[in-house]
Amino acid sequence: MSTIVLVHGLWVTPRSWEHWVSYYESKGHQVLTPAYPGFEVEVEALRADPTPIATVTVPETVAHLEKIITALPEKPIIMGHSFGGTLTQLLLDRGHGAAGVVIDSAPPEGIRVNPPSQIKSLFPILNNPAKRHQAAGFTEKQFRYAFTNTLSDEDARAAYERYAIPAPGSWVWSYGLLANFTPGKQETWVDFHNPDRAPLLFIAGGADHIMPPSVNKSNAEHYKAPDTVTDYHEFPGRSHWTCAEPGWEQVADHALDWALRHAAA
């Protein structure tokens, strides 16, 4: 048995991992799905009062995750989706985790690939500077383009209604737009030459609009430390909603098999 920590991304909560939790637990693993600070309530409560979303910061989120992980009796496998992938990279850079898997990961500082579909996906948040200080959400149509573009209209609507919440506008502005133009190391900086980092797998969806394969490839290629393991795998035709869209079991199996194999090495 291994302990697995699943880190959610923006515009969703730990509920987004609900299928993976039972799936991995059925295989005998302990699974934790920590929320960002203030996100411990249900989706519906965060929609009603998004104050915790607007005020949460990356440093306090990383510190919160570190506290949970360091309290475990063993180094866990850490998996993160979307901005949870950024957080996973930050955690591995700080020496946590026996292995890491990032799925459709948002990039840390230094990745300068910005495909047109990514710009279009984030534009509803970046089109108004006031949203930098707000909890900024997508409409159902915008969520459909950014997250669920491979789903049927009915399934996309169901996903939006069950999972979607606003995101911290400051994160999208600071790390999705300004990080590479701000002098000095920012809060999402990682050491790509860290020789002590745990093995790391990037998984990309070939049809992902908001974090396309080119972003994940570039991110993976930035890791340069000798004697460290960094792999990349792409699932053709899968969207940003790859952790819940039909066929998610294939993604979950690939992530777990890789992580178990490399964590034990």
C-alpha atoms as a PDB file:
ATOM      1  CA  MET A   1       0.000   0.000   0.000  1.00  0.00           C
ATOM      2  CA  SER A   2       1.112   3.539  -0.767  1.00  0.00           C
ATOM      3  CA  THR A   3      -0.248   6.867   0.356  1.00  0.00           C
ATOM      4  CA  ILE A   4      -1.445   9.075  -2.484  1.00  0.00           C
ATOM      5  CA  VAL A   5      -2.076  12.802  -2.166  1.00  0.00           C
ATOM      6  CA  LEU A   6      -4.305  14.292  -4.894  1.00  0.00           C
ATOM      7  CA  VAL A   7      -4.057  18.074  -5.305  1.00  0.00           C
ATOM      8  CA  HIS A   8      -6.919  19.805  -7.102  1.00  0.00           C
ATOM      9  CA  GLY A   9      -6.614  22.724  -9.492  1.00  0.00           C
ATOM     10  CA  LEU A  10      -8.362  26.041  -9.983  1.00  0.00           C
ATOM     11  CA  TRP A  11     -12.090  26.422 -10.669  1.00  0.00           C
ATOM     12  CA  VAL A  12     -12.760  23.139  -8.808  1.00  0.00           C
ATOM     13  CA  THR A  13     -12.412  21.592  -5.341  1.00  0.00           C
ATOM     14  CA  PRO A  14     -11.297  18.163  -4.041  1.00  0.00           C
ATOM     15  CA  ARG A  15     -14.675  16.910  -5.261  1.00  0.00           C
ATOM     16  CA  SER A  16     -13.079  16.777  -8.732  1.00  0.00           C
ATOM     17  CA  TRP A  17     -11.080  13.726  -7.567  1.00  0.00           C
ATOM     18  CA  GLU A  18     -14.077  11.761  -6.256  1.00  0.00           C
ATOM     19  CA  HIS A  19     -13.787   8.984  -8.864  1.00  0.00           C
ATOM     20  CA  TRP A  20     -10.051   8.582  -8.312  1.00  0.00           C
ATOM     21  CA  VAL A  21     -10.392   8.316  -4.548  1.00  0.00           C
ATOM     22  CA  SER A  22     -12.630   5.265  -4.587  1.00  0.00           C
ATOM     23  CA  TYR A  23     -10.702   3.783  -7.517  1.00  0.00           C
ATOM     24  CA  TYR A  24      -7.338   3.984  -5.765  1.00  0.00           C
ATOM     25  CA  GLU A  25      -8.772   2.936  -2.407  1.00  0.00           C
ATOM     26  CA  SER A  26     -10.187  -0.191  -4.046  1.00  0.00           C
ATOM     27  CA  LYS A  27      -6.590  -1.043  -4.971  1.00  0.00           C
ATOM     28  CA  GLY A  28      -5.538  -0.820  -1.318  1.00  0.00           C
ATOM     29  CA  HIS A  29      -4.073   2.676  -1.189  1.00  0.00           C
ATOM     30  CA  GLN A  30      -4.646   5.444   1.314  1.00  0.00           C
ATOM     31  CA  VAL A  31      -5.839   8.545  -0.550  1.00  0.00           C
ATOM     32  CA  LEU A  32      -5.891  12.142   0.686  1.00  0.00           C
ATOM     33  CA  THR A  33      -7.480  15.052  -1.185  1.00  0.00           C
ATOM     34  CA  PRO A  34      -6.496  18.181   0.739  1.00  0.00           C
ATOM     35  CA  ALA A  35      -8.323  21.391  -0.102  1.00  0.00           C
ATOM     36  CA  TYR A  36      -6.737  24.797  -0.393  1.00  0.00           C
ATOM     37  CA  PRO A  37      -7.084  26.773   2.857  1.00  0.00           C
ATOM     38  CA  GLY A  38     -10.708  27.849   3.165  1.00  0.00           C
ATOM     39  CA  PHE A  39     -11.877  25.442   0.462  1.00  0.00           C
ATOM     40  CA  GLU A  40     -12.815  22.685   2.907  1.00  0.00           C
ATOM     41  CA  VAL A  41     -16.530  23.404   2.476  1.00  0.00           C
ATOM     42  CA  GLU A  42     -18.670  22.073  -0.347  1.00  0.00           C
ATOM     43  CA  VAL A  43     -18.841  23.508  -3.848  1.00  0.00           C
ATOM     44  CA  GLU A  44     -22.243  25.007  -3.188  1.00  0.00           C
ATOM     45  CA  ALA A  45     -20.993  26.891  -0.122  1.00  0.00           C
ATOM     46  CA  LEU A  46     -18.065  28.376  -2.035  1.00  0.00           C
ATOM     47  CA  ARG A  47     -20.406  29.548  -4.754  1.00  0.00           C
ATOM     48  CA  ALA A  48     -22.608  31.209  -2.141  1.00  0.00           C
ATOM     49  CA  ASP A  49     -19.650  32.855  -0.365  1.00  0.00           C
ATOM     50  CA  PRO A  50     -16.468  32.980  -2.488  1.00  0.00           C
ATOM     51  CA  THR A  51     -14.555  35.100   0.051  1.00  0.00           C
ATOM     52  CA  PRO A  52     -12.022  32.301   0.822  1.00  0.00           C
ATOM     53  CA  ILE A  53     -11.322  31.978  -2.910  1.00  0.00           C
ATOM     54  CA  ALA A  54     -10.546  35.666  -3.361  1.00  0.00           C
ATOM     55  CA  THR A  55      -8.116  35.867  -0.441  1.00  0.00           C
ATOM     56  CA  VAL A  56      -6.154  32.594  -0.524  1.00  0.00           C
ATOM     57  CA  THR A  57      -2.465  32.803  -1.510  1.00  0.00           C
ATOM     58  CA  VAL A  58      -0.019  30.353  -3.047  1.00  0.00           C
ATOM     59  CA  PRO A  59       2.485  30.464  -0.137  1.00  0.00           C
ATOM     60  CA  GLU A  60      -0.175  29.644   2.445  1.00  0.00           C
ATOM     61  CA  THR A  61      -1.519  26.875   0.197  1.00  0.00           C
ATOM     62  CA  VAL A  62       1.920  25.306  -0.193  1.00  0.00           C
ATOM     63  CA  ALA A  63       2.520  25.590   3.566  1.00  0.00           C
ATOM     64  CA  HIS A  64      -0.864  23.973   4.224  1.00  0.00           C
ATOM     65  CA  LEU A  65      -0.061  21.061   1.912  1.00  0.00           C
ATOM     66  CA  GLU A  66       3.421  20.672   3.403  1.00  0.00           C
ATOM     67  CA  LYS A  67       1.937  20.394   6.901  1.00  0.00           C
ATOM     68  CA  ILE A  68      -0.355  17.581   5.774  1.00  0.00           C
ATOM     69  CA  ILE A  69       2.349  15.728   3.851  1.00  0.00           C
ATOM     70  CA  THR A  70       5.053  15.948   6.523  1.00  0.00           C
ATOM     71  CA  ALA A  71       2.631  14.512   9.100  1.00  0.00           C
ATOM     72  CA  LEU A  72       2.355  11.284   7.099  1.00  0.00           C
ATOM     73  CA  PRO A  73       4.385   8.238   8.163  1.00  0.00           C
ATOM     74  CA  GLU A  74       5.893   7.885   4.673  1.00  0.00           C
ATOM     75  CA  LYS A  75       6.634  10.043   1.681  1.00  0.00           C
ATOM     76  CA  PRO A  76       3.496   9.902  -0.452  1.00  0.00           C
ATOM     77  CA  ILE A  77       2.941   9.845  -4.163  1.00  0.00           C
ATOM     78  CA  ILE A  78       1.752  13.355  -5.034  1.00  0.00           C
ATOM     79  CA  MET A  79      -0.512  13.925  -8.029  1.00  0.00           C
ATOM     80  CA  GLY A  80      -1.798  17.306  -9.112  1.00  0.00           C
ATOM     81  CA  HIS A  81      -4.178  18.452 -11.816  1.00  0.00           C
ATOM     82  CA  SER A  82      -3.976  21.868 -13.520  1.00  0.00           C
ATOM     83  CA  PHE A  83      -2.719  24.395 -10.930  1.00  0.00           C
ATOM     84  CA  GLY A  84      -2.472  21.413  -8.614  1.00  0.00           C
ATOM     85  CA  GLY A  85       0.316  20.368 -10.982  1.00  0.00           C
ATOM     86  CA  THR A  86       2.149  23.607 -10.254  1.00  0.00           C
ATOM     87  CA  LEU A  87       1.713  23.015  -6.532  1.00  0.00           C
ATOM     88  CA  THR A  88       2.973  19.453  -6.967  1.00  0.00           C
ATOM     89  CA  GLN A  89       6.103  20.742  -8.700  1.00  0.00           C
ATOM     90  CA  LEU A  90       6.664  23.212  -5.858  1.00  0.00           C
ATOM     91  CA  LEU A  91       6.271  20.428  -3.290  1.00  0.00           C
ATOM     92  CA  LEU A  92       8.692  18.100  -5.079  1.00  0.00           C
ATOM     93  CA  ASP A  93      11.211  20.920  -5.372  1.00  0.00           C
ATOM     94  CA  ARG A  94      11.030  21.269  -1.587  1.00  0.00           C
ATOM     95  CA  GLY A  95      11.879  17.605  -1.076  1.00  0.00           C
ATOM     96  CA  HIS A  96       8.406  16.177  -0.573  1.00  0.00           C
ATOM     97  CA  GLY A  97       6.996  13.090  -2.251  1.00  0.00           C
ATOM     98  CA  ALA A  98       8.351   9.704  -3.297  1.00  0.00           C
ATOM     99  CA  ALA A  99       7.188  10.436  -6.850  1.00  0.00           C
ATOM    100  CA  GLY A 100       5.036  13.047  -8.532  1.00  0.00           C
ATOM    101  CA  VAL A 101       2.551  13.064 -11.387  1.00  0.00           C
ATOM    102  CA  VAL A 102       1.193  16.282 -12.863  1.00  0.00           C
ATOM    103  CA  ILE A 103      -1.827  16.115 -15.164  1.00  0.00           C
ATOM    104  CA  ASP A 104      -2.578  18.960 -17.583  1.00  0.00           C
ATOM    105  CA  SER A 105      -0.315  21.021 -15.358  1.00  0.00           C
ATOM    106  CA  ALA A 106      -0.278  24.783 -15.186  1.00  0.00           C
ATOM    107  CA  PRO A 107       3.337  25.892 -15.560  1.00  0.00           C
ATOM    108  CA  PRO A 108       5.616  27.342 -12.911  1.00  0.00           C
ATOM    109  CA  GLU A 109       7.571  30.500 -13.580  1.00  0.00           C
ATOM    110  CA  GLY A 110       9.808  30.387 -16.640  1.00  0.00           C
ATOM    111  CA  ILE A 111       7.573  28.532 -19.118  1.00  0.00           C
ATOM    112  CA  ARG A 112       6.896  30.984 -21.944  1.00  0.00           C
ATOM    113  CA  VAL A 113       4.674  28.889 -24.212  1.00  0.00           C
ATOM    114  CA  ASN A 114       1.221  30.480 -24.557  1.00  0.00           C
ATOM    115  CA  PRO A 115      -0.832  28.792 -27.308  1.00  0.00           C
ATOM    116  CA  PRO A 116      -3.875  30.634 -28.705  1.00  0.00           C
ATOM    117  CA  SER A 117      -6.351  28.241 -27.072  1.00  0.00           C
ATOM    118  CA  GLN A 118      -4.795  28.955 -23.677  1.00  0.00           C
ATOM    119  CA  ILE A 119      -5.111  32.703 -24.182  1.00  0.00           C
ATOM    120  CA  LYS A 120      -8.744  32.273 -25.249  1.00  0.00           C
ATOM    121  CA  SER A 121      -9.459  30.056 -22.219  1.00  0.00           C
ATOM    122  CA  LEU A 122      -8.019  32.562 -19.733  1.00  0.00           C
ATOM    123  CA  PHE A 123      -9.295  35.705 -21.433  1.00  0.00           C
ATOM    124  CA  PRO A 124     -12.557  35.811 -19.412  1.00  0.00           C
ATOM    125  CA  ILE A 125     -10.411  36.285 -16.295  1.00  0.00           C
ATOM    126  CA  LEU A 126      -7.745  38.526 -17.848  1.00  0.00           C
ATOM    127  CA  ASN A 127     -10.133  40.843 -19.683  1.00  0.00           C
ATOM    128  CA  ASN A 128     -10.729  43.009 -16.618  1.00  0.00           C
ATOM    129  CA  PRO A 129      -7.942  44.071 -14.190  1.00  0.00           C
ATOM    130  CA  ALA A 130     -10.515  44.309 -11.393  1.00  0.00           C
ATOM    131  CA  LYS A 131     -10.781  40.513 -11.451  1.00  0.00           C
ATOM    132  CA  ARG A 132      -7.222  40.338 -10.129  1.00  0.00           C
ATOM    133  CA  HIS A 133      -8.680  41.080  -6.695  1.00  0.00           C
ATOM    134  CA  GLN A 134     -11.787  38.925  -6.975  1.00  0.00           C
ATOM    135  CA  ALA A 135     -12.958  35.335  -7.074  1.00  0.00           C
ATOM    136  CA  ALA A 136     -13.266  35.035 -10.845  1.00  0.00           C
ATOM    137  CA  GLY A 137     -15.404  32.338 -12.418  1.00  0.00           C
ATOM    138  CA  PHE A 138     -16.305  30.994 -15.826  1.00  0.00           C
ATOM    139  CA  THR A 139     -19.739  30.949 -17.364  1.00  0.00           C
ATOM    140  CA  GLU A 140     -20.984  27.530 -18.424  1.00  0.00           C
ATOM    141  CA  LYS A 141     -19.970  28.296 -22.017  1.00  0.00           C
ATOM    142  CA  GLN A 142     -16.502  29.452 -20.984  1.00  0.00           C
ATOM    143  CA  PHE A 143     -15.996  26.398 -18.763  1.00  0.00           C
ATOM    144  CA  ARG A 144     -17.036  24.224 -21.683  1.00  0.00           C
ATOM    145  CA  TYR A 145     -14.309  25.673 -23.892  1.00  0.00           C
ATOM    146  CA  ALA A 146     -11.572  25.630 -21.249  1.00  0.00           C
ATOM    147  CA  PHE A 147     -12.338  22.323 -19.499  1.00  0.00           C
ATOM    148  CA  THR A 148     -14.927  20.062 -21.128  1.00  0.00           C
ATOM    149  CA  ASN A 149     -14.582  20.644 -24.874  1.00  0.00           C
ATOM    150  CA  THR A 150     -14.601  16.909 -25.677  1.00  0.00           C
ATOM    151  CA  LEU A 151     -17.798  16.150 -23.736  1.00  0.00           C
ATOM    152  CA  SER A 152     -21.377  16.166 -24.957  1.00  0.00           C
ATOM    153  CA  ASP A 153     -23.422  19.251 -24.138  1.00  0.00           C
ATOM    154  CA  GLU A 154     -25.326  17.305 -21.494  1.00  0.00           C
ATOM    155  CA  ASP A 155     -22.207  15.926 -19.799  1.00  0.00           C
ATOM    156  CA  ALA A 156     -20.439  19.284 -19.962  1.00  0.00           C
ATOM    157  CA  ARG A 157     -23.416  20.965 -18.297  1.00  0.00           C
ATOM    158  CA  ALA A 158     -23.506  18.306 -15.576  1.00  0.00           C
ATOM    159  CA  ALA A 159     -19.777  18.750 -14.889  1.00  0.00           C
ATOM    160  CA  TYR A 160     -20.174  22.522 -14.621  1.00  0.00           C
ATOM    161  CA  GLU A 161     -23.101  22.224 -12.225  1.00  0.00           C
ATOM    162  CA  ARG A 162     -21.418  19.679  -9.962  1.00  0.00           C
ATOM    163  CA  TYR A 163     -17.831  20.925  -9.846  1.00  0.00           C
ATOM    164  CA  ALA A 164     -17.274  24.502 -11.046  1.00  0.00           C
ATOM    165  CA  ILE A 165     -16.411  27.331  -8.661  1.00  0.00           C
ATOM    166  CA  PRO A 166     -14.589  30.651  -9.143  1.00  0.00           C
ATOM    167  CA  ALA A 167     -10.806  30.845  -8.917  1.00  0.00           C
ATOM    168  CA  PRO A 168      -8.524  33.390  -7.224  1.00  0.00           C
ATOM    169  CA  GLY A 169      -8.192  36.058  -9.891  1.00  0.00           C
ATOM    170  CA  SER A 170      -4.856  37.071  -8.407  1.00  0.00           C
ATOM    171  CA  TRP A 171      -3.399  33.650  -9.226  1.00  0.00           C
ATOM    172  CA  VAL A 172      -4.459  33.821 -12.854  1.00  0.00           C
ATOM    173  CA  TRP A 173      -3.060  37.321 -13.235  1.00  0.00           C
ATOM    174  CA  SER A 174       0.135  36.825 -11.236  1.00  0.00           C
ATOM    175  CA  TYR A 175       1.124  33.376 -12.483  1.00  0.00           C
ATOM    176  CA  GLY A 176      -0.691  33.125 -15.791  1.00  0.00           C
ATOM    177  CA  LEU A 177       0.226  36.549 -17.101  1.00  0.00           C
ATOM    178  CA  LEU A 178       2.804  38.487 -15.084  1.00  0.00           C
ATOM    179  CA  ALA A 179       5.200  35.931 -13.549  1.00  0.00           C
ATOM    180  CA  ASN A 180       7.577  35.868 -16.510  1.00  0.00           C
ATOM    181  CA  PHE A 181       7.660  39.659 -16.712  1.00  0.00           C
ATOM    182  CA  THR A 182       8.290  40.368 -13.030  1.00  0.00           C
ATOM    183  CA  PRO A 183      11.934  40.665 -11.892  1.00  0.00           C
ATOM    184  CA  GLY A 184      13.249  38.088  -9.445  1.00  0.00           C
ATOM    185  CA  LYS A 185      11.949  34.725  -8.363  1.00  0.00           C
ATOM    186  CA  GLN A 186       8.188  34.584  -8.007  1.00  0.00           C
ATOM    187  CA  GLU A 187       6.050  32.358  -5.785  1.00  0.00           C
ATOM    188  CA  THR A 188       5.778  29.667  -8.484  1.00  0.00           C
ATOM    189  CA  TRP A 189       9.519  29.444  -9.164  1.00  0.00           C
ATOM    190  CA  VAL A 190      11.057  25.959  -9.038  1.00  0.00           C
ATOM    191  CA  ASP A 191      14.684  24.897  -9.390  1.00  0.00           C
ATOM    192  CA  PHE A 192      14.770  22.959 -12.663  1.00  0.00           C
ATOM    193  CA  HIS A 193      18.320  21.834 -11.800  1.00  0.00           C
ATOM    194  CA  ASN A 194      17.481  20.399  -8.365  1.00  0.00           C
ATOM    195  CA  PRO A 195      19.341  17.041  -8.204  1.00  0.00           C
ATOM    196  CA  ASP A 196      17.319  15.792  -5.235  1.00  0.00           C
ATOM    197  CA  ARG A 197      13.855  16.071  -6.761  1.00  0.00           C
ATOM    198  CA  ALA A 198      11.686  12.932  -6.795  1.00  0.00           C
ATOM    199  CA  PRO A 199      10.742  11.354 -10.157  1.00  0.00           C
ATOM    200  CA  LEU A 200       8.153  13.398 -12.030  1.00  0.00           C
ATOM    201  CA  LEU A 201       5.711  12.450 -14.793  1.00  0.00           C
ATOM    202  CA  PHE A 202       3.860  14.945 -16.973  1.00  0.00           C
ATOM    203  CA  ILE A 203       0.549  13.788 -18.451  1.00  0.00           C
ATOM    204  CA  ALA A 204      -1.066  15.942 -21.132  1.00  0.00           C
ATOM    205  CA  GLY A 205      -4.381  15.759 -22.942  1.00  0.00           C
ATOM    206  CA  GLY A 206      -4.083  16.128 -26.688  1.00  0.00           C
ATOM    207  CA  ALA A 207      -7.291  18.182 -26.901  1.00  0.00           C
ATOM    208  CA  ASP A 208      -6.689  20.300 -23.777  1.00  0.00           C
ATOM    209  CA  HIS A 209      -7.443  23.963 -24.502  1.00  0.00           C
ATOM    210  CA  ILE A 210      -6.348  25.689 -21.303  1.00  0.00           C
ATOM    211  CA  MET A 211      -3.091  23.737 -20.717  1.00  0.00           C
ATOM    212  CA  PRO A 212      -2.265  22.273 -24.139  1.00  0.00           C
ATOM    213  CA  PRO A 213       0.416  19.627 -24.705  1.00  0.00           C
ATOM    214  CA  SER A 214       2.951  22.241 -25.857  1.00  0.00           C
ATOM    215  CA  VAL A 215       2.823  23.865 -22.414  1.00  0.00           C
ATOM    216  CA  ASN A 216       3.396  20.560 -20.633  1.00  0.00           C
ATOM    217  CA  LYS A 217       6.162  19.508 -23.036  1.00  0.00           C
ATOM    218  CA  SER A 218       7.997  22.768 -22.495  1.00  0.00           C
ATOM    219  CA  ASN A 219       7.600  22.445 -18.739  1.00  0.00           C
ATOM    220  CA  ALA A 220       8.986  18.899 -18.746  1.00  0.00           C
ATOM    221  CA  GLU A 221      11.908  19.857 -20.982  1.00  0.00           C
ATOM    222  CA  HIS A 222      12.994  22.585 -18.571  1.00  0.00           C
ATOM    223  CA  TYR A 223      14.033  19.997 -15.961  1.00  0.00           C
ATOM    224  CA  LYS A 224      17.760  19.506 -16.517  1.00  0.00           C
ATOM    225  CA  ALA A 225      19.279  17.945 -13.391  1.00  0.00           C
ATOM    226  CA  PRO A 226      21.295  14.803 -14.184  1.00  0.00           C
ATOM    227  CA  ASP A 227      20.271  11.538 -12.549  1.00  0.00           C
ATOM    228  CA  THR A 228      16.698  12.734 -12.035  1.00  0.00           C
ATOM    229  CA  VAL A 229      13.701  11.207 -13.799  1.00  0.00           C
ATOM    230  CA  THR A 230      11.313  13.391 -15.793  1.00  0.00           C
ATOM    231  CA  ASP A 231       8.893  11.698 -18.207  1.00  0.00           C
ATOM    232  CA  TYR A 232       6.117  12.912 -20.477  1.00  0.00           C
ATOM    233  CA  HIS A 233       3.044  11.085 -21.748  1.00  0.00           C
ATOM    234  CA  GLU A 234       0.236  12.406 -23.929  1.00  0.00           C
ATOM    235  CA  PHE A 235      -3.270  10.986 -24.221  1.00  0.00           C
ATOM    236  CA  PRO A 236      -4.641  11.964 -27.642  1.00  0.00           C
ATOM    237  CA  GLY A 237      -8.082  13.522 -27.813  1.00  0.00           C
ATOM    238  CA  ARG A 238      -8.467  14.164 -24.089  1.00  0.00           C
ATOM    239  CA  SER A 239      -9.520  17.518 -22.653  1.00  0.00           C
ATOM    240  CA  HIS A 240      -8.543  19.398 -19.505  1.00  0.00           C
ATOM    241  CA  TRP A 241     -11.308  17.408 -17.819  1.00  0.00           C
ATOM    242  CA  THR A 242      -9.292  14.240 -18.373  1.00  0.00           C
ATOM    243  CA  CYS A 243      -9.526  13.161 -14.723  1.00  0.00           C
ATOM    244  CA  ALA A 244     -13.303  12.791 -14.977  1.00  0.00           C
ATOM    245  CA  GLU A 245     -14.234  12.479 -18.638  1.00  0.00           C
ATOM    246  CA  PRO A 246     -15.005   8.981 -19.991  1.00  0.00           C
ATOM    247  CA  GLY A 247     -11.911   6.806 -19.973  1.00  0.00           C
ATOM    248  CA  TRP A 248     -10.405   8.509 -16.919  1.00  0.00           C
ATOM    249  CA  GLU A 249      -9.482   5.066 -15.549  1.00  0.00           C
ATOM    250  CA  GLN A 250      -6.795   4.733 -18.229  1.00  0.00           C
ATOM    251  CA  VAL A 251      -5.238   7.997 -17.077  1.00  0.00           C
ATOM    252  CA  ALA A 252      -5.472   6.989 -13.414  1.00  0.00           C
ATOM    253  CA  ASP A 253      -3.871   3.602 -14.117  1.00  0.00           C
ATOM    254  CA  HIS A 254      -1.015   5.096 -16.123  1.00  0.00           C
ATOM    255  CA  ALA A 255      -0.323   7.685 -13.422  1.00  0.00           C
ATOM    256  CA  LEU A 256      -0.350   5.150 -10.597  1.00  0.00           C
ATOM    257  CA  ASP A 257       1.637   2.455 -12.387  1.00  0.00           C
ATOM    258  CA  TRP A 258       4.355   4.946 -13.298  1.00  0.00           C
ATOM    259  CA  ALA A 259       4.474   6.449  -9.810  1.00  0.00           C
ATOM    260  CA  LEU A 260       4.649   3.093  -8.028  1.00  0.00           C
ATOM    261  CA  ARG A 261       7.375   1.877 -10.344  1.00  0.00           C
ATOM    262  CA  HIS A 262       9.552   4.943  -9.857  1.00  0.00           C
ATOM    263  CA  ALA A 263       8.827   5.515  -6.182  1.00  0.00           C
ATOM    264  CA  ALA A 264      10.167   2.047  -5.469  1.00  0.00           C
ATOM    265  CA  ALA A 265      13.299   2.505  -7.587  1.00  0.00           C
END
